[in-house]
Amino acid sequence: MNPIVDGITREYTDRLDVRKLNAIGDGTAAFSYYRMTGHPSYILFRKDGVKVWQAIGLKTRDELAQQIKLLLANP
């Protein structure tokens, strides 16, 4: 998933803040708080911090891009 997420990060660098966390270590609290029960997990938030999409499991670049486009179209 790293190449896909890295590509998304580059493509949307001026419009998104992308964070990659490890479930063991730096992301433990986030995984627990957002009830992420599998790997990989994704969450999209609006600028005001409201969660608008969450998914677990492998996603294609197109699936992720579609959700990001929806978020950016409806801030």
PDB file of N, CA and C in Angstrom:
ATOM      1  N   MET A   1       0.809  -1.197   0.000  1.00  0.00           N
ATOM      2  CA  MET A   1       0.000   0.000   0.000  1.00  0.00           C
ATOM      3  C   MET A   1       0.856   1.267   0.000  1.00  0.00           C
ATOM      4  N   ASN A   2       2.093   1.164   0.451  1.00  0.00           N
ATOM      5  CA  ASN A   2       2.928   2.359   0.503  1.00  0.00           C
ATOM      6  C   ASN A   2       3.057   3.069  -0.834  1.00  0.00           C
ATOM      7  N   PRO A   3       3.288   2.358  -1.952  1.00  0.00           N
ATOM      8  CA  PRO A   3       3.386   3.083  -3.219  1.00  0.00           C
ATOM      9  C   PRO A   3       2.097   3.823  -3.583  1.00  0.00           C
ATOM     10  N   ILE A   4       0.952   3.234  -3.278  1.00  0.00           N
ATOM     11  CA  ILE A   4      -0.321   3.889  -3.586  1.00  0.00           C
ATOM     12  C   ILE A   4      -0.504   5.122  -2.707  1.00  0.00           C
ATOM     13  N   VAL A   5      -0.292   4.974  -1.416  1.00  0.00           N
ATOM     14  CA  VAL A   5      -0.454   6.105  -0.501  1.00  0.00           C
ATOM     15  C   VAL A   5       0.575   7.189  -0.807  1.00  0.00           C
ATOM     16  N   ASP A   6       1.792   6.798  -1.117  1.00  0.00           N
ATOM     17  CA  ASP A   6       2.820   7.785  -1.474  1.00  0.00           C
ATOM     18  C   ASP A   6       2.435   8.543  -2.738  1.00  0.00           C
ATOM     19  N   GLY A   7       1.855   7.859  -3.708  1.00  0.00           N
ATOM     20  CA  GLY A   7       1.398   8.513  -4.933  1.00  0.00           C
ATOM     21  C   GLY A   7       0.249   9.485  -4.664  1.00  0.00           C
ATOM     22  N   ILE A   8      -0.679   9.072  -3.834  1.00  0.00           N
ATOM     23  CA  ILE A   8      -1.788   9.949  -3.441  1.00  0.00           C
ATOM     24  C   ILE A   8      -1.228  11.184  -2.732  1.00  0.00           C
ATOM     25  N   THR A   9      -0.272  10.966  -1.855  1.00  0.00           N
ATOM     26  CA  THR A   9       0.341  12.073  -1.122  1.00  0.00           C
ATOM     27  C   THR A   9       0.960  13.079  -2.086  1.00  0.00           C
ATOM     28  N   ARG A  10       1.691  12.585  -3.072  1.00  0.00           N
ATOM     29  CA  ARG A  10       2.311  13.483  -4.060  1.00  0.00           C
ATOM     30  C   ARG A  10       1.261  14.209  -4.894  1.00  0.00           C
ATOM     31  N   GLU A  11       0.238  13.486  -5.322  1.00  0.00           N
ATOM     32  CA  GLU A  11      -0.783  14.074  -6.198  1.00  0.00           C
ATOM     33  C   GLU A  11      -1.599  15.163  -5.499  1.00  0.00           C
ATOM     34  N   TYR A  12      -1.897  14.946  -4.231  1.00  0.00           N
ATOM     35  CA  TYR A  12      -2.765  15.876  -3.508  1.00  0.00           C
ATOM     36  C   TYR A  12      -2.001  16.676  -2.451  1.00  0.00           C
ATOM     37  N   THR A  13      -0.700  16.807  -2.605  1.00  0.00           N
ATOM     38  CA  THR A  13       0.143  17.413  -1.579  1.00  0.00           C
ATOM     39  C   THR A  13      -0.299  18.807  -1.158  1.00  0.00           C
ATOM     40  N   ASP A  14      -0.870  19.572  -2.069  1.00  0.00           N
ATOM     41  CA  ASP A  14      -1.287  20.929  -1.735  1.00  0.00           C
ATOM     42  C   ASP A  14      -2.704  20.994  -1.155  1.00  0.00           C
ATOM     43  N   ARG A  15      -3.410  19.847  -1.121  1.00  0.00           N
ATOM     44  CA  ARG A  15      -4.797  19.848  -0.648  1.00  0.00           C
ATOM     45  C   ARG A  15      -5.080  18.888   0.500  1.00  0.00           C
ATOM     46  N   LEU A  16      -4.121  17.994   0.796  1.00  0.00           N
ATOM     47  CA  LEU A  16      -4.328  17.004   1.851  1.00  0.00           C
ATOM     48  C   LEU A  16      -3.155  16.982   2.819  1.00  0.00           C
ATOM     49  N   ASP A  17      -3.457  16.607   4.033  1.00  0.00           N
ATOM     50  CA  ASP A  17      -2.437  16.309   5.026  1.00  0.00           C
ATOM     51  C   ASP A  17      -2.518  14.804   5.250  1.00  0.00           C
ATOM     52  N   VAL A  18      -1.556  14.061   4.736  1.00  0.00           N
ATOM     53  CA  VAL A  18      -1.576  12.601   4.810  1.00  0.00           C
ATOM     54  C   VAL A  18      -0.677  12.152   5.953  1.00  0.00           C
ATOM     55  N   ARG A  19      -1.202  11.265   6.769  1.00  0.00           N
ATOM     56  CA  ARG A  19      -0.427  10.695   7.879  1.00  0.00           C
ATOM     57  C   ARG A  19      -0.442   9.182   7.751  1.00  0.00           C
ATOM     58  N   LYS A  20       0.713   8.581   7.900  1.00  0.00           N
ATOM     59  CA  LYS A  20       0.810   7.122   7.933  1.00  0.00           C
ATOM     60  C   LYS A  20       1.251   6.741   9.337  1.00  0.00           C
ATOM     61  N   LEU A  21       0.449   5.900   9.983  1.00  0.00           N
ATOM     62  CA  LEU A  21       0.745   5.471  11.343  1.00  0.00           C
ATOM     63  C   LEU A  21       0.870   3.965  11.409  1.00  0.00           C
ATOM     64  N   ASN A  22       1.702   3.505  12.303  1.00  0.00           N
ATOM     65  CA  ASN A  22       1.862   2.085  12.543  1.00  0.00           C
ATOM     66  C   ASN A  22       0.998   1.709  13.737  1.00  0.00           C
ATOM     67  N   ALA A  23       0.282   0.615  13.651  1.00  0.00           N
ATOM     68  CA  ALA A  23      -0.607   0.194  14.741  1.00  0.00           C
ATOM     69  C   ALA A  23       0.170  -0.118  16.010  1.00  0.00           C
ATOM     70  N   ILE A  24       1.416  -0.452  15.857  1.00  0.00           N
ATOM     71  CA  ILE A  24       2.278  -0.699  17.017  1.00  0.00           C
ATOM     72  C   ILE A  24       3.260   0.463  17.075  1.00  0.00           C
ATOM     73  N   GLY A  25       3.148   1.239  18.105  1.00  0.00           N
ATOM     74  CA  GLY A  25       4.035   2.396  18.230  1.00  0.00           C
ATOM     75  C   GLY A  25       3.266   3.685  18.117  1.00  0.00           C
ATOM     76  N   ASP A  26       3.626   4.493  17.118  1.00  0.00           N
ATOM     77  CA  ASP A  26       3.081   5.850  17.012  1.00  0.00           C
ATOM     78  C   ASP A  26       1.578   5.904  16.761  1.00  0.00           C
ATOM     79  N   GLY A  27       0.986   4.851  16.251  1.00  0.00           N
ATOM     80  CA  GLY A  27      -0.433   4.888  15.929  1.00  0.00           C
ATOM     81  C   GLY A  27      -1.345   4.135  16.879  1.00  0.00           C
ATOM     82  N   THR A  28      -0.804   3.591  17.946  1.00  0.00           N
ATOM     83  CA  THR A  28      -1.596   2.762  18.856  1.00  0.00           C
ATOM     84  C   THR A  28      -2.849   3.482  19.360  1.00  0.00           C
ATOM     85  N   ALA A  29      -2.687   4.701  19.821  1.00  0.00           N
ATOM     86  CA  ALA A  29      -3.835   5.444  20.363  1.00  0.00           C
ATOM     87  C   ALA A  29      -4.870   5.719  19.285  1.00  0.00           C
ATOM     88  N   ALA A  30      -4.426   6.098  18.085  1.00  0.00           N
ATOM     89  CA  ALA A  30      -5.356   6.383  16.986  1.00  0.00           C
ATOM     90  C   ALA A  30      -6.111   5.124  16.571  1.00  0.00           C
ATOM     91  N   PHE A  31      -5.417   3.998  16.483  1.00  0.00           N
ATOM     92  CA  PHE A  31      -6.075   2.753  16.091  1.00  0.00           C
ATOM     93  C   PHE A  31      -7.150   2.372  17.104  1.00  0.00           C
ATOM     94  N   SER A  32      -6.875   2.572  18.357  1.00  0.00           N
ATOM     95  CA  SER A  32      -7.846   2.273  19.392  1.00  0.00           C
ATOM     96  C   SER A  32      -9.011   3.262  19.355  1.00  0.00           C
ATOM     97  N   TYR A  33      -8.719   4.542  19.305  1.00  0.00           N
ATOM     98  CA  TYR A  33      -9.745   5.575  19.338  1.00  0.00           C
ATOM     99  C   TYR A  33     -10.724   5.454  18.171  1.00  0.00           C
ATOM    100  N   TYR A  34     -10.196   5.210  16.967  1.00  0.00           N
ATOM    101  CA  TYR A  34     -11.049   5.133  15.775  1.00  0.00           C
ATOM    102  C   TYR A  34     -11.494   3.706  15.461  1.00  0.00           C
ATOM    103  N   ARG A  35     -11.229   2.791  16.352  1.00  0.00           N
ATOM    104  CA  ARG A  35     -11.654   1.388  16.226  1.00  0.00           C
ATOM    105  C   ARG A  35     -11.227   0.773  14.893  1.00  0.00           C
ATOM    106  N   MET A  36      -9.981   0.993  14.554  1.00  0.00           N
ATOM    107  CA  MET A  36      -9.425   0.389  13.350  1.00  0.00           C
ATOM    108  C   MET A  36      -8.977  -1.019  13.724  1.00  0.00           C
ATOM    109  N   THR A  37      -9.640  -1.997  13.157  1.00  0.00           N
ATOM    110  CA  THR A  37      -9.429  -3.375  13.578  1.00  0.00           C
ATOM    111  C   THR A  37      -8.611  -4.199  12.602  1.00  0.00           C
ATOM    112  N   GLY A  38      -8.116  -3.598  11.544  1.00  0.00           N
ATOM    113  CA  GLY A  38      -7.346  -4.341  10.563  1.00  0.00           C
ATOM    114  C   GLY A  38      -6.368  -3.450   9.843  1.00  0.00           C
ATOM    115  N   HIS A  39      -5.578  -4.096   9.009  1.00  0.00           N
ATOM    116  CA  HIS A  39      -4.550  -3.382   8.241  1.00  0.00           C
ATOM    117  C   HIS A  39      -4.744  -3.655   6.761  1.00  0.00           C
ATOM    118  N   PRO A  40      -4.511  -2.712   5.930  1.00  0.00           N
ATOM    119  CA  PRO A  40      -4.376  -1.299   6.254  1.00  0.00           C
ATOM    120  C   PRO A  40      -5.743  -0.688   6.565  1.00  0.00           C
ATOM    121  N   SER A  41      -5.718   0.418   7.262  1.00  0.00           N
ATOM    122  CA  SER A  41      -6.939   1.173   7.592  1.00  0.00           C
ATOM    123  C   SER A  41      -6.794   2.589   7.059  1.00  0.00           C
ATOM    124  N   TYR A  42      -7.907   3.172   6.678  1.00  0.00           N
ATOM    125  CA  TYR A  42      -7.907   4.524   6.121  1.00  0.00           C
ATOM    126  C   TYR A  42      -9.018   5.322   6.782  1.00  0.00           C
ATOM    127  N   ILE A  43      -8.753   6.593   7.017  1.00  0.00           N
ATOM    128  CA  ILE A  43      -9.781   7.505   7.510  1.00  0.00           C
ATOM    129  C   ILE A  43      -9.588   8.840   6.808  1.00  0.00           C
ATOM    130  N   LEU A  44     -10.684   9.421   6.344  1.00  0.00           N
ATOM    131  CA  LEU A  44     -10.658  10.766   5.784  1.00  0.00           C
ATOM    132  C   LEU A  44     -11.461  11.684   6.695  1.00  0.00           C
ATOM    133  N   PHE A  45     -10.885  12.849   6.960  1.00  0.00           N
ATOM    134  CA  PHE A  45     -11.528  13.858   7.797  1.00  0.00           C
ATOM    135  C   PHE A  45     -11.704  15.134   7.007  1.00  0.00           C
ATOM    136  N   ARG A  46     -12.761  15.858   7.313  1.00  0.00           N
ATOM    137  CA  ARG A  46     -12.906  17.218   6.793  1.00  0.00           C
ATOM    138  C   ARG A  46     -11.927  18.117   7.541  1.00  0.00           C
ATOM    139  N   LYS A  47     -11.776  19.329   7.052  1.00  0.00           N
ATOM    140  CA  LYS A  47     -10.882  20.284   7.706  1.00  0.00           C
ATOM    141  C   LYS A  47     -11.275  20.557   9.149  1.00  0.00           C
ATOM    142  N   ASP A  48     -12.570  20.444   9.460  1.00  0.00           N
ATOM    143  CA  ASP A  48     -13.027  20.711  10.823  1.00  0.00           C
ATOM    144  C   ASP A  48     -12.888  19.501  11.745  1.00  0.00           C
ATOM    145  N   GLY A  49     -12.281  18.426  11.245  1.00  0.00           N
ATOM    146  CA  GLY A  49     -12.016  17.254  12.065  1.00  0.00           C
ATOM    147  C   GLY A  49     -13.089  16.196  12.064  1.00  0.00           C
ATOM    148  N   VAL A  50     -14.178  16.412  11.334  1.00  0.00           N
ATOM    149  CA  VAL A  50     -15.257  15.423  11.270  1.00  0.00           C
ATOM    150  C   VAL A  50     -14.846  14.282  10.331  1.00  0.00           C
ATOM    151  N   LYS A  51     -14.974  13.058  10.831  1.00  0.00           N
ATOM    152  CA  LYS A  51     -14.655  11.874  10.022  1.00  0.00           C
ATOM    153  C   LYS A  51     -15.741  11.688   8.978  1.00  0.00           C
ATOM    154  N   VAL A  52     -15.344  11.538   7.702  1.00  0.00           N
ATOM    155  CA  VAL A  52     -16.331  11.378   6.637  1.00  0.00           C
ATOM    156  C   VAL A  52     -16.246  10.017   5.940  1.00  0.00           C
ATOM    157  N   TRP A  53     -15.150   9.308   6.140  1.00  0.00           N
ATOM    158  CA  TRP A  53     -15.010   7.992   5.488  1.00  0.00           C
ATOM    159  C   TRP A  53     -13.976   7.185   6.239  1.00  0.00           C
ATOM    160  N   GLN A  54     -14.258   5.892   6.390  1.00  0.00           N
ATOM    161  CA  GLN A  54     -13.306   4.987   7.018  1.00  0.00           C
ATOM    162  C   GLN A  54     -13.421   3.637   6.335  1.00  0.00           C
ATOM    163  N   ALA A  55     -12.281   2.996   6.122  1.00  0.00           N
ATOM    164  CA  ALA A  55     -12.280   1.683   5.482  1.00  0.00           C
ATOM    165  C   ALA A  55     -11.101   0.869   6.012  1.00  0.00           C
ATOM    166  N   ILE A  56     -11.277  -0.422   5.965  1.00  0.00           N
ATOM    167  CA  ILE A  56     -10.228  -1.356   6.374  1.00  0.00           C
ATOM    168  C   ILE A  56     -10.017  -2.343   5.240  1.00  0.00           C
ATOM    169  N   GLY A  57      -8.770  -2.675   4.989  1.00  0.00           N
ATOM    170  CA  GLY A  57      -8.436  -3.645   3.954  1.00  0.00           C
ATOM    171  C   GLY A  57      -7.835  -2.975   2.741  1.00  0.00           C
ATOM    172  N   LEU A  58      -7.301  -3.780   1.878  1.00  0.00           N
ATOM    173  CA  LEU A  58      -6.640  -3.255   0.684  1.00  0.00           C
ATOM    174  C   LEU A  58      -7.619  -2.487  -0.194  1.00  0.00           C
ATOM    175  N   LYS A  59      -7.192  -1.346  -0.643  1.00  0.00           N
ATOM    176  CA  LYS A  59      -7.973  -0.510  -1.560  1.00  0.00           C
ATOM    177  C   LYS A  59      -7.092  -0.167  -2.755  1.00  0.00           C
ATOM    178  N   THR A  60      -7.708  -0.039  -3.898  1.00  0.00           N
ATOM    179  CA  THR A  60      -6.951   0.365  -5.079  1.00  0.00           C
ATOM    180  C   THR A  60      -6.724   1.875  -5.042  1.00  0.00           C
ATOM    181  N   ARG A  61      -5.824   2.335  -5.866  1.00  0.00           N
ATOM    182  CA  ARG A  61      -5.570   3.759  -5.973  1.00  0.00           C
ATOM    183  C   ARG A  61      -6.838   4.485  -6.400  1.00  0.00           C
ATOM    184  N   ASP A  62      -7.576   3.878  -7.329  1.00  0.00           N
ATOM    185  CA  ASP A  62      -8.820   4.497  -7.805  1.00  0.00           C
ATOM    186  C   ASP A  62      -9.871   4.596  -6.704  1.00  0.00           C
ATOM    187  N   GLU A  63      -9.976   3.572  -5.866  1.00  0.00           N
ATOM    188  CA  GLU A  63     -10.935   3.618  -4.761  1.00  0.00           C
ATOM    189  C   GLU A  63     -10.597   4.751  -3.793  1.00  0.00           C
ATOM    190  N   LEU A  64      -9.331   4.885  -3.457  1.00  0.00           N
ATOM    191  CA  LEU A  64      -8.914   5.963  -2.557  1.00  0.00           C
ATOM    192  C   LEU A  64      -9.110   7.326  -3.199  1.00  0.00           C
ATOM    193  N   ALA A  65      -8.710   7.448  -4.458  1.00  0.00           N
ATOM    194  CA  ALA A  65      -8.846   8.729  -5.161  1.00  0.00           C
ATOM    195  C   ALA A  65     -10.306   9.150  -5.260  1.00  0.00           C
ATOM    196  N   GLN A  66     -11.205   8.201  -5.478  1.00  0.00           N
ATOM    197  CA  GLN A  66     -12.633   8.517  -5.566  1.00  0.00           C
ATOM    198  C   GLN A  66     -13.133   9.112  -4.250  1.00  0.00           C
ATOM    199  N   GLN A  67     -12.754   8.523  -3.134  1.00  0.00           N
ATOM    200  CA  GLN A  67     -13.181   9.044  -1.830  1.00  0.00           C
ATOM    201  C   GLN A  67     -12.575  10.418  -1.556  1.00  0.00           C
ATOM    202  N   ILE A  68     -11.328  10.603  -1.941  1.00  0.00           N
ATOM    203  CA  ILE A  68     -10.669  11.899  -1.750  1.00  0.00           C
ATOM    204  C   ILE A  68     -11.336  12.972  -2.597  1.00  0.00           C
ATOM    205  N   LYS A  69     -11.662  12.635  -3.831  1.00  0.00           N
ATOM    206  CA  LYS A  69     -12.336  13.602  -4.704  1.00  0.00           C
ATOM    207  C   LYS A  69     -13.698  14.004  -4.131  1.00  0.00           C
ATOM    208  N   LEU A  70     -14.428  13.041  -3.580  1.00  0.00           N
ATOM    209  CA  LEU A  70     -15.713  13.352  -2.943  1.00  0.00           C
ATOM    210  C   LEU A  70     -15.518  14.298  -1.762  1.00  0.00           C
ATOM    211  N   LEU A  71     -14.504  14.021  -0.968  1.00  0.00           N
ATOM    212  CA  LEU A  71     -14.226  14.881   0.183  1.00  0.00           C
ATOM    213  C   LEU A  71     -13.859  16.296  -0.255  1.00  0.00           C
ATOM    214  N   LEU A  72     -12.991  16.402  -1.243  1.00  0.00           N
ATOM    215  CA  LEU A  72     -12.556  17.729  -1.699  1.00  0.00           C
ATOM    216  C   LEU A  72     -13.676  18.496  -2.392  1.00  0.00           C
ATOM    217  N   ALA A  73     -14.616  17.775  -3.001  1.00  0.00           N
ATOM    218  CA  ALA A  73     -15.741  18.432  -3.664  1.00  0.00           C
ATOM    219  C   ALA A  73     -16.786  18.923  -2.677  1.00  0.00           C
ATOM    220  N   ASN A  74     -16.787  18.322  -1.481  1.00  0.00           N
ATOM    221  CA  ASN A  74     -17.785  18.668  -0.452  1.00  0.00           C
ATOM    222  C   ASN A  74     -17.098  18.967   0.877  1.00  0.00           C
ATOM    223  N   PRO A  75     -16.335  20.048   0.920  1.00  0.00           N
ATOM    224  CA  PRO A  75     -15.585  20.332   2.159  1.00  0.00           C
ATOM    225  C   PRO A  75     -16.535  20.691   3.252  1.00  0.00           C
TER     226      PRO A  75
END
